[in-house]
Amino acid sequence: MLVGGYLALSLATLAAIVLLRNNASVVNSAVWVRGTVVVGSALLTRRFAARAARGSRRAYRRLRVVSTAMVTAIVAIVSLPGTFPLWMKAEQVVCGVLLAGVVAVVNRRQLRTLFTAP
């Protein structure tokens, strides 16, 4: 559910970027790049989560890495002054909250133990 929400929000944001592309105060080149990167990471996150749910240790490790890296990147994005419009920072905060939930779930002891057991 968290990963699905992250993907849905990312796709909706990219659609908004396309629709608002002619408004330079709302959509700049940084927004295009970030929006595209976020959709890509959301698609990967979804794929890793689906494979991890089927028992793939490799996908589980990748899910842990990608979700943690994206939360870190989101903190940096939200902290940067001026590069991104306020609406994009707000969207990134929501994505960050969803991904923080993913990070919390995949790093629980019970799940880590399940994927490290022989």
N, C-alpha and C. Protein backbone atom coordinates (compact mmCIF):
# COMPACT_ATOMS: atom_id res chain seq x y z
N MET A 1 0.81 -1.19 0.00
CA MET A 1 0.00 0.00 0.00
C MET A 1 0.86 1.26 0.00
N LEU A 2 1.91 1.27 0.79
CA LEU A 2 2.82 2.43 0.82
C LEU A 2 3.51 2.61 -0.52
N VAL A 3 4.00 1.52 -1.06
CA VAL A 3 4.69 1.57 -2.35
C VAL A 3 3.72 1.95 -3.46
N GLY A 4 2.53 1.43 -3.43
CA GLY A 4 1.51 1.78 -4.41
C GLY A 4 1.14 3.25 -4.33
N GLY A 5 1.03 3.77 -3.12
CA GLY A 5 0.75 5.20 -2.94
C GLY A 5 1.86 6.07 -3.48
N TYR A 6 3.09 5.65 -3.24
CA TYR A 6 4.27 6.37 -3.75
C TYR A 6 4.26 6.39 -5.27
N LEU A 7 3.96 5.26 -5.89
CA LEU A 7 3.90 5.19 -7.35
C LEU A 7 2.76 6.05 -7.89
N ALA A 8 1.58 5.94 -7.30
CA ALA A 8 0.43 6.72 -7.77
C ALA A 8 0.69 8.22 -7.67
N LEU A 9 1.23 8.64 -6.55
CA LEU A 9 1.52 10.07 -6.36
C LEU A 9 2.60 10.54 -7.34
N SER A 10 3.59 9.71 -7.58
CA SER A 10 4.66 10.06 -8.51
C SER A 10 4.13 10.21 -9.93
N LEU A 11 3.26 9.30 -10.34
CA LEU A 11 2.67 9.38 -11.68
C LEU A 11 1.75 10.59 -11.80
N ALA A 12 0.98 10.88 -10.75
CA ALA A 12 0.10 12.05 -10.76
C ALA A 12 0.93 13.34 -10.85
N THR A 13 2.05 13.37 -10.16
CA THR A 13 2.93 14.53 -10.20
C THR A 13 3.51 14.73 -11.59
N LEU A 14 3.94 13.65 -12.22
CA LEU A 14 4.47 13.77 -13.57
C LEU A 14 3.38 14.25 -14.53
N ALA A 15 2.17 13.79 -14.36
CA ALA A 15 1.06 14.27 -15.19
C ALA A 15 0.84 15.77 -14.97
N ALA A 16 0.92 16.21 -13.71
CA ALA A 16 0.77 17.64 -13.41
C ALA A 16 1.90 18.45 -14.04
N ILE A 17 3.10 17.91 -14.03
CA ILE A 17 4.24 18.59 -14.65
C ILE A 17 3.99 18.77 -16.14
N VAL A 18 3.49 17.74 -16.78
CA VAL A 18 3.19 17.83 -18.21
C VAL A 18 2.11 18.88 -18.47
N LEU A 19 1.06 18.86 -17.67
CA LEU A 19 -0.03 19.81 -17.86
C LEU A 19 0.39 21.26 -17.60
N LEU A 20 1.32 21.46 -16.67
CA LEU A 20 1.74 22.81 -16.29
C LEU A 20 3.07 23.22 -16.92
N ARG A 21 3.51 22.50 -17.92
CA ARG A 21 4.84 22.71 -18.51
C ARG A 21 5.06 24.11 -19.06
N ASN A 22 4.02 24.81 -19.42
CA ASN A 22 4.17 26.15 -20.00
C ASN A 22 4.22 27.25 -18.96
N ASN A 23 4.14 26.90 -17.69
CA ASN A 23 4.21 27.87 -16.61
C ASN A 23 5.57 27.76 -15.93
N ALA A 24 6.50 28.62 -16.32
CA ALA A 24 7.88 28.52 -15.85
C ALA A 24 8.03 28.76 -14.35
N SER A 25 7.09 29.45 -13.74
CA SER A 25 7.19 29.67 -12.30
C SER A 25 6.78 28.43 -11.50
N VAL A 26 6.09 27.51 -12.16
CA VAL A 26 5.60 26.31 -11.50
C VAL A 26 6.41 25.07 -11.89
N VAL A 27 6.85 25.04 -13.15
CA VAL A 27 7.60 23.88 -13.66
C VAL A 27 8.89 24.38 -14.32
N ASN A 28 10.01 24.09 -13.66
CA ASN A 28 11.32 24.43 -14.23
C ASN A 28 12.06 23.14 -14.58
N SER A 29 13.27 23.27 -15.06
CA SER A 29 14.01 22.07 -15.47
C SER A 29 14.29 21.13 -14.30
N ALA A 30 14.52 21.68 -13.12
CA ALA A 30 14.75 20.83 -11.94
C ALA A 30 13.51 19.99 -11.62
N VAL A 31 12.33 20.57 -11.80
CA VAL A 31 11.08 19.85 -11.55
C VAL A 31 10.93 18.70 -12.55
N TRP A 32 11.24 18.96 -13.82
CA TRP A 32 11.18 17.89 -14.83
C TRP A 32 12.10 16.73 -14.48
N VAL A 33 13.33 17.07 -14.12
CA VAL A 33 14.30 16.02 -13.79
C VAL A 33 13.86 15.24 -12.56
N ARG A 34 13.51 15.96 -11.51
CA ARG A 34 13.13 15.30 -10.27
C ARG A 34 11.86 14.46 -10.47
N GLY A 35 10.89 15.00 -11.17
CA GLY A 35 9.65 14.27 -11.41
C GLY A 35 9.89 12.97 -12.15
N THR A 36 10.76 13.03 -13.13
CA THR A 36 11.08 11.83 -13.91
C THR A 36 11.85 10.81 -13.07
N VAL A 37 12.81 11.28 -12.30
CA VAL A 37 13.59 10.39 -11.44
C VAL A 37 12.69 9.71 -10.40
N VAL A 38 11.76 10.48 -9.85
CA VAL A 38 10.87 9.92 -8.83
C VAL A 38 9.97 8.83 -9.42
N VAL A 39 9.45 9.06 -10.62
CA VAL A 39 8.64 8.01 -11.25
C VAL A 39 9.48 6.76 -11.49
N GLY A 40 10.70 6.95 -11.97
CA GLY A 40 11.59 5.80 -12.18
C GLY A 40 11.86 5.04 -10.89
N SER A 41 12.15 5.78 -9.83
CA SER A 41 12.42 5.10 -8.56
C SER A 41 11.17 4.44 -8.01
N ALA A 42 10.01 5.04 -8.24
CA ALA A 42 8.76 4.45 -7.76
C ALA A 42 8.46 3.14 -8.50
N LEU A 43 8.73 3.14 -9.80
CA LEU A 43 8.54 1.90 -10.58
C LEU A 43 9.49 0.80 -10.09
N LEU A 44 10.74 1.17 -9.85
CA LEU A 44 11.70 0.19 -9.32
C LEU A 44 11.29 -0.30 -7.93
N THR A 45 10.87 0.63 -7.09
CA THR A 45 10.46 0.28 -5.73
C THR A 45 9.29 -0.70 -5.78
N ARG A 46 8.35 -0.44 -6.66
CA ARG A 46 7.19 -1.34 -6.83
C ARG A 46 7.66 -2.73 -7.28
N ARG A 47 8.55 -2.75 -8.23
CA ARG A 47 9.06 -4.03 -8.74
C ARG A 47 9.80 -4.80 -7.64
N PHE A 48 10.67 -4.10 -6.90
CA PHE A 48 11.41 -4.75 -5.82
C PHE A 48 10.47 -5.26 -4.73
N ALA A 49 9.47 -4.47 -4.39
CA ALA A 49 8.51 -4.88 -3.36
C ALA A 49 7.74 -6.13 -3.79
N ALA A 50 7.33 -6.16 -5.05
CA ALA A 50 6.58 -7.33 -5.55
C ALA A 50 7.45 -8.58 -5.52
N ARG A 51 8.69 -8.44 -5.94
CA ARG A 51 9.59 -9.60 -5.93
C ARG A 51 9.97 -10.02 -4.52
N ALA A 52 10.17 -9.03 -3.64
CA ALA A 52 10.49 -9.36 -2.25
C ALA A 52 9.31 -10.10 -1.61
N ALA A 53 8.10 -9.69 -1.94
CA ALA A 53 6.91 -10.36 -1.40
C ALA A 53 6.83 -11.81 -1.85
N ARG A 54 7.46 -12.11 -2.97
CA ARG A 54 7.51 -13.50 -3.45
C ARG A 54 8.74 -14.24 -2.91
N GLY A 55 9.53 -13.56 -2.05
CA GLY A 55 10.64 -14.23 -1.39
C GLY A 55 12.02 -13.94 -1.93
N SER A 56 12.17 -13.01 -2.85
CA SER A 56 13.49 -12.71 -3.42
C SER A 56 14.34 -11.90 -2.45
N ARG A 57 15.44 -12.50 -2.02
CA ARG A 57 16.36 -11.81 -1.12
C ARG A 57 17.02 -10.62 -1.81
N ARG A 58 17.38 -10.80 -3.06
CA ARG A 58 18.02 -9.72 -3.82
C ARG A 58 17.07 -8.51 -3.94
N ALA A 59 15.82 -8.76 -4.24
CA ALA A 59 14.84 -7.68 -4.35
C ALA A 59 14.62 -7.00 -3.00
N TYR A 60 14.61 -7.80 -1.94
CA TYR A 60 14.46 -7.24 -0.60
C TYR A 60 15.61 -6.30 -0.28
N ARG A 61 16.83 -6.72 -0.57
CA ARG A 61 17.99 -5.84 -0.32
C ARG A 61 17.91 -4.57 -1.15
N ARG A 62 17.51 -4.71 -2.40
CA ARG A 62 17.38 -3.54 -3.28
C ARG A 62 16.27 -2.61 -2.78
N LEU A 63 15.20 -3.18 -2.30
CA LEU A 63 14.11 -2.37 -1.76
C LEU A 63 14.60 -1.56 -0.56
N ARG A 64 15.38 -2.20 0.29
CA ARG A 64 15.93 -1.48 1.45
C ARG A 64 16.84 -0.34 1.01
N VAL A 65 17.70 -0.58 0.05
CA VAL A 65 18.64 0.43 -0.41
C VAL A 65 17.93 1.58 -1.11
N VAL A 66 17.05 1.25 -2.06
CA VAL A 66 16.38 2.29 -2.85
C VAL A 66 15.48 3.15 -1.96
N SER A 67 14.72 2.53 -1.08
CA SER A 67 13.81 3.31 -0.24
C SER A 67 14.59 4.23 0.70
N THR A 68 15.67 3.75 1.26
CA THR A 68 16.50 4.58 2.14
C THR A 68 17.17 5.72 1.36
N ALA A 69 17.68 5.41 0.19
CA ALA A 69 18.33 6.44 -0.64
C ALA A 69 17.34 7.52 -1.05
N MET A 70 16.13 7.12 -1.41
CA MET A 70 15.14 8.11 -1.83
C MET A 70 14.69 8.98 -0.67
N VAL A 71 14.54 8.43 0.52
CA VAL A 71 14.20 9.25 1.68
C VAL A 71 15.30 10.28 1.93
N THR A 72 16.55 9.86 1.82
CA THR A 72 17.68 10.77 2.00
C THR A 72 17.66 11.87 0.93
N ALA A 73 17.41 11.50 -0.31
CA ALA A 73 17.34 12.48 -1.40
C ALA A 73 16.19 13.44 -1.18
N ILE A 74 15.07 12.96 -0.70
CA ILE A 74 13.91 13.82 -0.46
C ILE A 74 14.22 14.84 0.63
N VAL A 75 14.90 14.42 1.67
CA VAL A 75 15.28 15.37 2.72
C VAL A 75 16.15 16.48 2.13
N ALA A 76 17.08 16.11 1.26
CA ALA A 76 17.93 17.11 0.62
C ALA A 76 17.12 18.04 -0.28
N ILE A 77 16.21 17.50 -1.06
CA ILE A 77 15.37 18.29 -1.98
C ILE A 77 14.55 19.30 -1.20
N VAL A 78 13.92 18.85 -0.14
CA VAL A 78 13.06 19.72 0.65
C VAL A 78 13.88 20.80 1.36
N SER A 79 15.12 20.48 1.68
CA SER A 79 15.98 21.43 2.39
C SER A 79 16.62 22.48 1.49
N LEU A 80 16.74 22.19 0.19
CA LEU A 80 17.39 23.14 -0.72
C LEU A 80 16.53 24.39 -0.91
N PRO A 81 17.11 25.56 -0.71
CA PRO A 81 16.34 26.78 -0.94
C PRO A 81 16.26 27.12 -2.43
N GLY A 82 15.07 27.46 -2.88
CA GLY A 82 14.90 28.04 -4.20
C GLY A 82 14.88 27.14 -5.42
N THR A 83 15.43 25.96 -5.38
CA THR A 83 15.53 25.13 -6.58
C THR A 83 14.17 24.60 -7.02
N PHE A 84 13.35 24.19 -6.08
CA PHE A 84 12.06 23.58 -6.39
C PHE A 84 10.93 24.46 -5.85
N PRO A 85 9.83 24.53 -6.61
CA PRO A 85 8.68 25.30 -6.13
C PRO A 85 8.05 24.62 -4.91
N LEU A 86 7.30 25.40 -4.16
CA LEU A 86 6.70 24.90 -2.93
C LEU A 86 5.80 23.68 -3.16
N TRP A 87 5.06 23.66 -4.25
CA TRP A 87 4.17 22.52 -4.50
C TRP A 87 4.96 21.23 -4.67
N MET A 88 6.14 21.33 -5.31
CA MET A 88 6.97 20.13 -5.51
C MET A 88 7.58 19.68 -4.19
N LYS A 89 7.96 20.62 -3.35
CA LYS A 89 8.49 20.25 -2.04
C LYS A 89 7.42 19.57 -1.20
N ALA A 90 6.19 20.07 -1.27
CA ALA A 90 5.09 19.45 -0.52
C ALA A 90 4.84 18.02 -1.01
N GLU A 91 4.86 17.84 -2.32
CA GLU A 91 4.68 16.51 -2.90
C GLU A 91 5.81 15.59 -2.44
N GLN A 92 7.01 16.11 -2.40
CA GLN A 92 8.15 15.31 -1.97
C GLN A 92 8.05 14.93 -0.50
N VAL A 93 7.50 15.81 0.32
CA VAL A 93 7.29 15.48 1.73
C VAL A 93 6.34 14.28 1.85
N VAL A 94 5.26 14.30 1.08
CA VAL A 94 4.31 13.18 1.12
C VAL A 94 4.98 11.89 0.65
N CYS A 95 5.75 11.99 -0.44
CA CYS A 95 6.51 10.82 -0.91
C CYS A 95 7.47 10.33 0.17
N GLY A 96 8.12 11.26 0.83
CA GLY A 96 9.06 10.91 1.90
C GLY A 96 8.39 10.19 3.06
N VAL A 97 7.20 10.64 3.42
CA VAL A 97 6.47 9.98 4.50
C VAL A 97 6.09 8.55 4.09
N LEU A 98 5.62 8.39 2.86
CA LEU A 98 5.29 7.04 2.37
C LEU A 98 6.52 6.14 2.37
N LEU A 99 7.63 6.68 1.87
CA LEU A 99 8.86 5.88 1.81
C LEU A 99 9.45 5.63 3.19
N ALA A 100 9.29 6.56 4.11
CA ALA A 100 9.75 6.34 5.48
C ALA A 100 9.01 5.15 6.09
N GLY A 101 7.73 5.03 5.75
CA GLY A 101 6.98 3.85 6.18
C GLY A 101 7.55 2.57 5.60
N VAL A 102 7.92 2.62 4.32
CA VAL A 102 8.55 1.45 3.68
C VAL A 102 9.85 1.11 4.39
N VAL A 103 10.67 2.13 4.64
CA VAL A 103 11.96 1.91 5.32
C VAL A 103 11.72 1.27 6.69
N ALA A 104 10.73 1.77 7.41
CA ALA A 104 10.43 1.20 8.74
C ALA A 104 10.02 -0.26 8.64
N VAL A 105 9.19 -0.58 7.67
CA VAL A 105 8.71 -1.97 7.53
C VAL A 105 9.84 -2.90 7.11
N VAL A 106 10.61 -2.53 6.08
CA VAL A 106 11.63 -3.45 5.57
C VAL A 106 12.83 -3.60 6.50
N ASN A 107 12.96 -2.70 7.47
CA ASN A 107 14.07 -2.80 8.40
C ASN A 107 13.69 -3.38 9.75
N ARG A 108 12.47 -3.88 9.86
CA ARG A 108 12.07 -4.55 11.10
C ARG A 108 12.88 -5.82 11.26
N ARG A 109 13.18 -6.12 12.48
CA ARG A 109 14.00 -7.30 12.79
C ARG A 109 13.40 -8.58 12.22
N GLN A 110 12.11 -8.74 12.36
CA GLN A 110 11.46 -9.97 11.89
C GLN A 110 11.65 -10.15 10.38
N LEU A 111 11.51 -9.08 9.62
CA LEU A 111 11.67 -9.16 8.17
C LEU A 111 13.13 -9.37 7.79
N ARG A 112 14.03 -8.66 8.45
CA ARG A 112 15.46 -8.85 8.17
C ARG A 112 15.86 -10.29 8.45
N THR A 113 15.39 -10.84 9.55
CA THR A 113 15.69 -12.23 9.91
C THR A 113 15.13 -13.20 8.88
N LEU A 114 13.94 -12.94 8.41
CA LEU A 114 13.31 -13.79 7.41
C LEU A 114 14.15 -13.86 6.13
N PHE A 115 14.71 -12.72 5.71
CA PHE A 115 15.47 -12.69 4.47
C PHE A 115 16.95 -13.06 4.63
N THR A 116 17.42 -13.16 5.87
CA THR A 116 18.80 -13.58 6.08
C THR A 116 18.89 -15.06 6.46
N ALA A 117 17.75 -15.65 6.78
CA ALA A 117 17.74 -17.08 7.14
C ALA A 117 18.08 -17.92 5.91
N PRO A 118 18.86 -18.98 6.12
CA PRO A 118 19.25 -19.83 5.00
C PRO A 118 18.13 -20.65 4.40
